[in-house]
Each structure stands twice: as structure tokens, then as C-alpha cells.
Amino acid sequence: MSISERNELVLEYLWCIDCVIRQNYTLVQAARLDRDDVYQSLALRLIRAVELYKPGAKSLKGYIFSQLKYELLNCKSAKVRYRFCAAPYDLRDAVISIDALMESTAHIM
């Protein structure tokens, strides 16, 4: 498949991203995920799904939806959210502001 064919298919199925986000909006809100970040992650997964699709038991649309739903679950993991390589799956509130960090280390200096 050429890049132009892939891009056409991606554009044709972009609506799937909005559909998955809409169906799982409470999850996105509960996990405090930024919608734009989720959209970007799902868009990358859509491109990969179109590239890797092999005609068979599932239709392209079905394959795309399963891949997008799987990626959405990955978006809420601490490893993805905070870019920690060895982060536990349920790590929460691991990000602090630079000001808070400076205040907590001020007595050391």
C-alpha cells in the first residue's frame, strides 16, 4: 500500500477517533486525560492500524475500532502519561510543579 492510499484511508476513518472518545468520555474525564493528547495518540494508532491491517476475519473498520479502544486504555497508564519507564500502572498524581520542587529542595541547598 502506498503512502497516499494509506493517507486516504486514514482520512476516511478519522471519524472513528471521535466516536471512540465520545463513547469513552467518562473514562477520559475520570483519568484526567487531555482530550487533545488522547486524540493525537489515537490518530497515531489509526495510522498504524491502517498500515498493519491484513484482510481476514475482521473488517478494516472493526480492526480500527479494536485498535483505538486498546490505545485509549494505554493512554491512561502512568507509563504513558508521565513517561516513566518503570512506572506502576496505577501511579497517580506523580507530576508536581517546578515551584513545589524548588520549595521542597530549598532547605538542602
C-alpha atoms as a PDB file:
ATOM      1  CA  MET A   1       0.000   0.000   0.000  1.00  0.00           C
ATOM      2  CA  SER A   2       1.381   3.387  -0.946  1.00  0.00           C
ATOM      3  CA  ILE A   3       1.542   6.315   1.451  1.00  0.00           C
ATOM      4  CA  SER A   4      -1.122   8.198  -0.491  1.00  0.00           C
ATOM      5  CA  GLU A   5      -3.501   5.213  -0.290  1.00  0.00           C
ATOM      6  CA  ARG A   6      -2.796   4.897   3.430  1.00  0.00           C
ATOM      7  CA  ASN A   7      -3.424   8.610   3.956  1.00  0.00           C
ATOM      8  CA  GLU A   8      -6.729   8.406   2.083  1.00  0.00           C
ATOM      9  CA  LEU A   9      -7.876   5.550   4.313  1.00  0.00           C
ATOM     10  CA  VAL A  10      -6.756   7.391   7.438  1.00  0.00           C
ATOM     11  CA  LEU A  11      -8.730  10.469   6.389  1.00  0.00           C
ATOM     12  CA  GLU A  12     -11.743   8.297   5.610  1.00  0.00           C
ATOM     13  CA  TYR A  13     -11.667   6.717   9.089  1.00  0.00           C
ATOM     14  CA  LEU A  14     -10.750   9.771  11.207  1.00  0.00           C
ATOM     15  CA  TRP A  15     -14.342   9.865  12.429  1.00  0.00           C
ATOM     16  CA  CYS A  16     -13.634   6.652  14.367  1.00  0.00           C
ATOM     17  CA  ILE A  17     -11.382   8.574  16.757  1.00  0.00           C
ATOM     18  CA  ASP A  18     -14.162  10.983  17.717  1.00  0.00           C
ATOM     19  CA  CYS A  19     -16.553   8.076  18.081  1.00  0.00           C
ATOM     20  CA  VAL A  20     -14.249   6.176  20.477  1.00  0.00           C
ATOM     21  CA  ILE A  21     -13.571   9.301  22.536  1.00  0.00           C
ATOM     22  CA  ARG A  22     -17.285  10.086  22.708  1.00  0.00           C
ATOM     23  CA  GLN A  23     -18.148   6.515  23.763  1.00  0.00           C
ATOM     24  CA  ASN A  24     -15.482   6.610  26.484  1.00  0.00           C
ATOM     25  CA  TYR A  25     -15.676  10.246  27.534  1.00  0.00           C
ATOM     26  CA  THR A  26     -16.308   9.418  31.197  1.00  0.00           C
ATOM     27  CA  LEU A  27     -13.090   7.388  31.216  1.00  0.00           C
ATOM     28  CA  VAL A  28     -11.194  10.298  29.665  1.00  0.00           C
ATOM     29  CA  GLN A  29     -12.577  12.664  32.300  1.00  0.00           C
ATOM     30  CA  ALA A  30     -12.101  10.282  35.247  1.00  0.00           C
ATOM     31  CA  ALA A  31      -8.469   9.636  34.288  1.00  0.00           C
ATOM     32  CA  ARG A  32      -7.941  13.406  33.839  1.00  0.00           C
ATOM     33  CA  LEU A  33      -6.672  12.959  30.324  1.00  0.00           C
ATOM     34  CA  ASP A  34      -6.317  15.877  27.960  1.00  0.00           C
ATOM     35  CA  ARG A  35      -8.641  15.309  25.009  1.00  0.00           C
ATOM     36  CA  ASP A  36      -6.101  16.647  22.511  1.00  0.00           C
ATOM     37  CA  ASP A  37      -3.412  14.266  23.805  1.00  0.00           C
ATOM     38  CA  VAL A  38      -5.831  11.346  23.589  1.00  0.00           C
ATOM     39  CA  TYR A  39      -6.825  12.365  20.057  1.00  0.00           C
ATOM     40  CA  GLN A  40      -3.176  12.520  18.999  1.00  0.00           C
ATOM     41  CA  SER A  41      -2.415   9.075  20.461  1.00  0.00           C
ATOM     42  CA  LEU A  42      -5.462   7.598  18.772  1.00  0.00           C
ATOM     43  CA  ALA A  43      -4.547   9.249  15.469  1.00  0.00           C
ATOM     44  CA  LEU A  44      -1.119   7.620  15.556  1.00  0.00           C
ATOM     45  CA  ARG A  45      -2.725   4.278  16.375  1.00  0.00           C
ATOM     46  CA  LEU A  46      -5.148   4.751  13.468  1.00  0.00           C
ATOM     47  CA  ILE A  47      -2.235   5.245  11.066  1.00  0.00           C
ATOM     48  CA  ARG A  48      -0.534   2.103  12.372  1.00  0.00           C
ATOM     49  CA  ALA A  49      -3.790   0.149  12.219  1.00  0.00           C
ATOM     50  CA  VAL A  50      -4.313   1.069   8.563  1.00  0.00           C
ATOM     51  CA  GLU A  51      -0.706   0.146   7.746  1.00  0.00           C
ATOM     52  CA  LEU A  52      -0.800  -3.192   9.586  1.00  0.00           C
ATOM     53  CA  TYR A  53      -4.289  -4.342   8.588  1.00  0.00           C
ATOM     54  CA  LYS A  54      -4.408  -7.708   6.898  1.00  0.00           C
ATOM     55  CA  PRO A  55      -7.733  -8.585   5.269  1.00  0.00           C
ATOM     56  CA  GLY A  56      -9.238 -11.563   7.002  1.00  0.00           C
ATOM     57  CA  ALA A  57     -11.812 -12.265   9.675  1.00  0.00           C
ATOM     58  CA  LYS A  58     -12.273  -8.627  10.734  1.00  0.00           C
ATOM     59  CA  SER A  59     -13.266  -5.733   8.551  1.00  0.00           C
ATOM     60  CA  LEU A  60     -10.962  -2.713   8.419  1.00  0.00           C
ATOM     61  CA  LYS A  61     -13.477  -0.698  10.432  1.00  0.00           C
ATOM     62  CA  GLY A  62     -13.715  -3.400  13.107  1.00  0.00           C
ATOM     63  CA  TYR A  63      -9.932  -3.684  13.277  1.00  0.00           C
ATOM     64  CA  ILE A  64      -9.566   0.090  13.602  1.00  0.00           C
ATOM     65  CA  PHE A  65     -12.124   0.283  16.415  1.00  0.00           C
ATOM     66  CA  SER A  66     -10.459  -2.523  18.367  1.00  0.00           C
ATOM     67  CA  GLN A  67      -7.046  -0.871  17.979  1.00  0.00           C
ATOM     68  CA  LEU A  68      -8.362   2.551  19.021  1.00  0.00           C
ATOM     69  CA  LYS A  69     -10.090   1.163  22.111  1.00  0.00           C
ATOM     70  CA  TYR A  70      -6.915  -0.638  23.121  1.00  0.00           C
ATOM     71  CA  GLU A  71      -4.884   2.550  22.661  1.00  0.00           C
ATOM     72  CA  LEU A  72      -7.354   4.530  24.751  1.00  0.00           C
ATOM     73  CA  LEU A  73      -6.735   2.157  27.654  1.00  0.00           C
ATOM     74  CA  ASN A  74      -2.996   2.667  27.188  1.00  0.00           C
ATOM     75  CA  CYS A  75      -3.470   6.448  27.347  1.00  0.00           C
ATOM     76  CA  LYS A  76      -4.493   6.269  30.979  1.00  0.00           C
ATOM     77  CA  SER A  77      -1.462   4.276  32.123  1.00  0.00           C
ATOM     78  CA  ALA A  78       1.117   6.100  34.232  1.00  0.00           C
ATOM     79  CA  LYS A  79       3.882   4.963  31.924  1.00  0.00           C
ATOM     80  CA  VAL A  80       2.282   6.789  29.017  1.00  0.00           C
ATOM     81  CA  ARG A  81       1.000   9.799  30.957  1.00  0.00           C
ATOM     82  CA  TYR A  82       4.200  10.595  32.849  1.00  0.00           C
ATOM     83  CA  ARG A  83       6.806   8.978  30.562  1.00  0.00           C
ATOM     84  CA  PHE A  84       8.174   6.860  33.416  1.00  0.00           C
ATOM     85  CA  CYS A  85       9.736   3.666  32.086  1.00  0.00           C
ATOM     86  CA  ALA A  86       9.147   1.583  35.202  1.00  0.00           C
ATOM     87  CA  ALA A  87       6.024   3.293  36.499  1.00  0.00           C
ATOM     88  CA  PRO A  88       3.373   1.155  38.162  1.00  0.00           C
ATOM     89  CA  TYR A  89       0.139   1.020  36.176  1.00  0.00           C
ATOM     90  CA  ASP A  90      -1.922   2.806  38.840  1.00  0.00           C
ATOM     91  CA  LEU A  91       0.512   5.649  39.636  1.00  0.00           C
ATOM     92  CA  ARG A  92      -1.429   8.859  40.199  1.00  0.00           C
ATOM     93  CA  ASP A  93      -0.511  12.498  40.756  1.00  0.00           C
ATOM     94  CA  ALA A  94       3.157  11.877  40.034  1.00  0.00           C
ATOM     95  CA  VAL A  95       3.704  15.255  38.428  1.00  0.00           C
ATOM     96  CA  ILE A  96       4.473  18.264  40.588  1.00  0.00           C
ATOM     97  CA  SER A  97       5.203  21.840  39.649  1.00  0.00           C
ATOM     98  CA  ILE A  98       8.748  23.179  39.400  1.00  0.00           C
ATOM     99  CA  ASP A  99       7.905  25.701  42.152  1.00  0.00           C
ATOM    100  CA  ALA A 100       6.863  22.938  44.547  1.00  0.00           C
ATOM    101  CA  LEU A 101      10.034  21.026  43.744  1.00  0.00           C
ATOM    102  CA  MET A 102      12.177  24.094  44.374  1.00  0.00           C
ATOM    103  CA  GLU A 103      10.422  24.743  47.703  1.00  0.00           C
ATOM    104  CA  SER A 104      10.923  21.156  48.841  1.00  0.00           C
ATOM    105  CA  THR A 105      14.641  21.206  47.988  1.00  0.00           C
ATOM    106  CA  ALA A 106      15.365  24.766  49.195  1.00  0.00           C
ATOM    107  CA  HIS A 107      16.459  23.573  52.640  1.00  0.00           C
ATOM    108  CA  ILE A 108      19.015  21.207  51.073  1.00  0.00           C
ATOM    109  CA  MET A 109      20.884  23.952  49.267  1.00  0.00           C
END
